[in-house]
Amino acid sequence: MLLQLIRIKGPSMVPTLRNGDAVVVRRGGRIRVGDVVIGRFDEVPGLVVKRAVRAVGDRWWLESDNEFVTDDSRRHGPAVVDGRVLLRYLPFRTLGRLRPSPR
């Protein structure tokens, strides 16, 4: 199991994750609907953190938890998922496991 530490940038996953939060990501492994994941869109450089909504072939439809941010699969189509966010470890006031989306 390969673990990676990632710092969140931007508001797309509010209220689940906020700008500046730090998370532990498990690279590879099984992804399920509702998981918070890191992935890559073909036309966007770098990694994104989004919620896995549904599988689309060998890719995933990813959406932001923040309803006002649509910079996700609604704009860029399905993404390649690289791993699943296991937990948030900073800031300490929000220490704990991620909860499912309130949708």
C-alpha atoms as a PDB file:
ATOM      1  CA  MET A   1       0.000   0.000   0.000  1.00  0.00           C
ATOM      2  CA  LEU A   2       1.459   3.352  -1.065  1.00  0.00           C
ATOM      3  CA  LEU A   3       0.415   6.344   1.045  1.00  0.00           C
ATOM      4  CA  GLN A   4       0.811   9.961   0.001  1.00  0.00           C
ATOM      5  CA  LEU A   5       0.305  13.219   1.908  1.00  0.00           C
ATOM      6  CA  ILE A   6      -1.520  15.971   0.004  1.00  0.00           C
ATOM      7  CA  ARG A   7      -2.430  19.564   0.922  1.00  0.00           C
ATOM      8  CA  ILE A   8      -5.855  20.738  -0.309  1.00  0.00           C
ATOM      9  CA  LYS A   9      -5.954  23.897  -2.433  1.00  0.00           C
ATOM     10  CA  GLY A  10      -9.197  25.655  -3.246  1.00  0.00           C
ATOM     11  CA  PRO A  11     -12.856  25.491  -2.197  1.00  0.00           C
ATOM     12  CA  SER A  12     -14.214  22.708  -4.415  1.00  0.00           C
ATOM     13  CA  MET A  13     -14.699  20.162  -1.605  1.00  0.00           C
ATOM     14  CA  VAL A  14     -16.181  22.488   1.054  1.00  0.00           C
ATOM     15  CA  PRO A  15     -17.646  21.533   3.520  1.00  0.00           C
ATOM     16  CA  THR A  16     -15.888  18.128   3.515  1.00  0.00           C
ATOM     17  CA  LEU A  17     -12.399  19.543   2.935  1.00  0.00           C
ATOM     18  CA  ARG A  18     -11.222  23.129   3.122  1.00  0.00           C
ATOM     19  CA  ASN A  19      -8.343  25.052   1.585  1.00  0.00           C
ATOM     20  CA  GLY A  20      -5.200  24.206   3.563  1.00  0.00           C
ATOM     21  CA  ASP A  21      -6.411  20.863   4.945  1.00  0.00           C
ATOM     22  CA  ALA A  22      -3.916  18.007   4.682  1.00  0.00           C
ATOM     23  CA  VAL A  23      -5.015  14.477   3.817  1.00  0.00           C
ATOM     24  CA  VAL A  24      -3.588  10.973   3.569  1.00  0.00           C
ATOM     25  CA  VAL A  25      -4.216   9.292   0.211  1.00  0.00           C
ATOM     26  CA  ARG A  26      -3.918   5.591  -0.563  1.00  0.00           C
ATOM     27  CA  ARG A  27      -2.658   5.235  -4.131  1.00  0.00           C
ATOM     28  CA  GLY A  28      -4.314   2.511  -6.178  1.00  0.00           C
ATOM     29  CA  GLY A  29      -6.810   0.153  -4.606  1.00  0.00           C
ATOM     30  CA  ARG A  30     -10.539  -0.170  -4.976  1.00  0.00           C
ATOM     31  CA  ILE A  31     -12.710   2.926  -5.440  1.00  0.00           C
ATOM     32  CA  ARG A  32     -16.387   2.962  -4.508  1.00  0.00           C
ATOM     33  CA  VAL A  33     -19.174   5.417  -5.232  1.00  0.00           C
ATOM     34  CA  GLY A  34     -19.079   8.157  -2.596  1.00  0.00           C
ATOM     35  CA  ASP A  35     -15.323   7.977  -1.937  1.00  0.00           C
ATOM     36  CA  VAL A  36     -13.286  11.185  -1.898  1.00  0.00           C
ATOM     37  CA  VAL A  37     -10.513  10.589  -4.421  1.00  0.00           C
ATOM     38  CA  ILE A  38      -7.583  12.175  -6.205  1.00  0.00           C
ATOM     39  CA  GLY A  39      -7.667  12.082  -9.956  1.00  0.00           C
ATOM     40  CA  ARG A  40      -6.631  13.663 -13.225  1.00  0.00           C
ATOM     41  CA  PHE A  41      -8.647  15.211 -16.028  1.00  0.00           C
ATOM     42  CA  ASP A  42      -7.055  15.027 -19.489  1.00  0.00           C
ATOM     43  CA  GLU A  43      -7.233  18.789 -20.051  1.00  0.00           C
ATOM     44  CA  VAL A  44      -6.364  19.988 -16.518  1.00  0.00           C
ATOM     45  CA  PRO A  45      -2.753  19.930 -15.283  1.00  0.00           C
ATOM     46  CA  GLY A  46      -2.076  18.347 -11.903  1.00  0.00           C
ATOM     47  CA  LEU A  47      -4.229  16.404  -9.466  1.00  0.00           C
ATOM     48  CA  VAL A  48      -7.764  17.197  -8.313  1.00  0.00           C
ATOM     49  CA  VAL A  49      -9.619  16.098  -5.178  1.00  0.00           C
ATOM     50  CA  LYS A  50     -13.270  15.253  -5.840  1.00  0.00           C
ATOM     51  CA  ARG A  51     -16.021  12.786  -4.935  1.00  0.00           C
ATOM     52  CA  ALA A  52     -16.452   9.636  -7.046  1.00  0.00           C
ATOM     53  CA  VAL A  53     -20.033   9.622  -8.337  1.00  0.00           C
ATOM     54  CA  ARG A  54     -20.069   6.732 -10.811  1.00  0.00           C
ATOM     55  CA  ALA A  55     -17.782   4.604 -12.935  1.00  0.00           C
ATOM     56  CA  VAL A  56     -17.644   5.415 -16.639  1.00  0.00           C
ATOM     57  CA  GLY A  57     -15.756   2.582 -18.300  1.00  0.00           C
ATOM     58  CA  ASP A  58     -12.247   2.581 -16.816  1.00  0.00           C
ATOM     59  CA  ARG A  59     -12.672   6.177 -15.557  1.00  0.00           C
ATOM     60  CA  TRP A  60     -14.804   7.918 -12.935  1.00  0.00           C
ATOM     61  CA  TRP A  61     -17.340  10.731 -12.975  1.00  0.00           C
ATOM     62  CA  LEU A  62     -16.055  13.123 -10.285  1.00  0.00           C
ATOM     63  CA  GLU A  63     -17.948  16.008  -8.707  1.00  0.00           C
ATOM     64  CA  SER A  64     -17.180  18.721  -6.189  1.00  0.00           C
ATOM     65  CA  ASP A  65     -18.986  18.725  -2.822  1.00  0.00           C
ATOM     66  CA  ASN A  66     -19.284  22.514  -3.103  1.00  0.00           C
ATOM     67  CA  GLU A  67     -22.401  23.048  -5.227  1.00  0.00           C
ATOM     68  CA  PHE A  68     -21.067  26.398  -6.490  1.00  0.00           C
ATOM     69  CA  VAL A  69     -17.931  24.854  -8.034  1.00  0.00           C
ATOM     70  CA  THR A  70     -18.452  23.056 -11.349  1.00  0.00           C
ATOM     71  CA  ASP A  71     -14.792  22.564 -12.305  1.00  0.00           C
ATOM     72  CA  ASP A  72     -15.273  18.797 -12.298  1.00  0.00           C
ATOM     73  CA  SER A  73     -16.631  16.085 -14.615  1.00  0.00           C
ATOM     74  CA  ARG A  74     -19.545  18.351 -15.524  1.00  0.00           C
ATOM     75  CA  ARG A  75     -16.963  20.500 -17.344  1.00  0.00           C
ATOM     76  CA  HIS A  76     -14.109  18.086 -18.116  1.00  0.00           C
ATOM     77  CA  GLY A  77     -15.773  14.665 -18.472  1.00  0.00           C
ATOM     78  CA  PRO A  78     -14.662  11.441 -16.722  1.00  0.00           C
ATOM     79  CA  ALA A  79     -11.298  11.348 -14.937  1.00  0.00           C
ATOM     80  CA  VAL A  80      -8.581   8.837 -14.198  1.00  0.00           C
ATOM     81  CA  VAL A  81      -8.582   8.110 -10.447  1.00  0.00           C
ATOM     82  CA  ASP A  82      -5.186   7.636  -8.791  1.00  0.00           C
ATOM     83  CA  GLY A  83      -6.213   6.990  -5.188  1.00  0.00           C
ATOM     84  CA  ARG A  84      -8.661   7.347  -2.315  1.00  0.00           C
ATOM     85  CA  VAL A  85      -8.468   9.909   0.482  1.00  0.00           C
ATOM     86  CA  LEU A  86      -8.320   7.962   3.749  1.00  0.00           C
ATOM     87  CA  LEU A  87      -8.358  10.756   6.323  1.00  0.00           C
ATOM     88  CA  ARG A  88      -7.699  14.392   7.038  1.00  0.00           C
ATOM     89  CA  TYR A  89      -4.815  14.963   9.449  1.00  0.00           C
ATOM     90  CA  LEU A  90      -4.554  18.764   9.466  1.00  0.00           C
ATOM     91  CA  PRO A  91      -5.873  21.026  10.789  1.00  0.00           C
ATOM     92  CA  PHE A  92      -6.105  19.222  14.103  1.00  0.00           C
ATOM     93  CA  ARG A  93      -9.509  20.737  14.888  1.00  0.00           C
ATOM     94  CA  THR A  94     -11.002  18.563  12.146  1.00  0.00           C
ATOM     95  CA  LEU A  95      -9.056  15.393  12.785  1.00  0.00           C
ATOM     96  CA  GLY A  96     -10.960  12.292  11.736  1.00  0.00           C
ATOM     97  CA  ARG A  97     -12.308  10.148   8.956  1.00  0.00           C
ATOM     98  CA  LEU A  98     -14.173  11.634   6.042  1.00  0.00           C
ATOM     99  CA  ARG A  99     -17.937  11.393   6.095  1.00  0.00           C
ATOM    100  CA  PRO A 100     -20.099  10.725   3.040  1.00  0.00           C
ATOM    101  CA  SER A 101     -21.415  13.695   1.099  1.00  0.00           C
ATOM    102  CA  PRO A 102     -24.538  15.289   2.646  1.00  0.00           C
ATOM    103  CA  ARG A 103     -26.364  14.979  -0.698  1.00  0.00           C
END
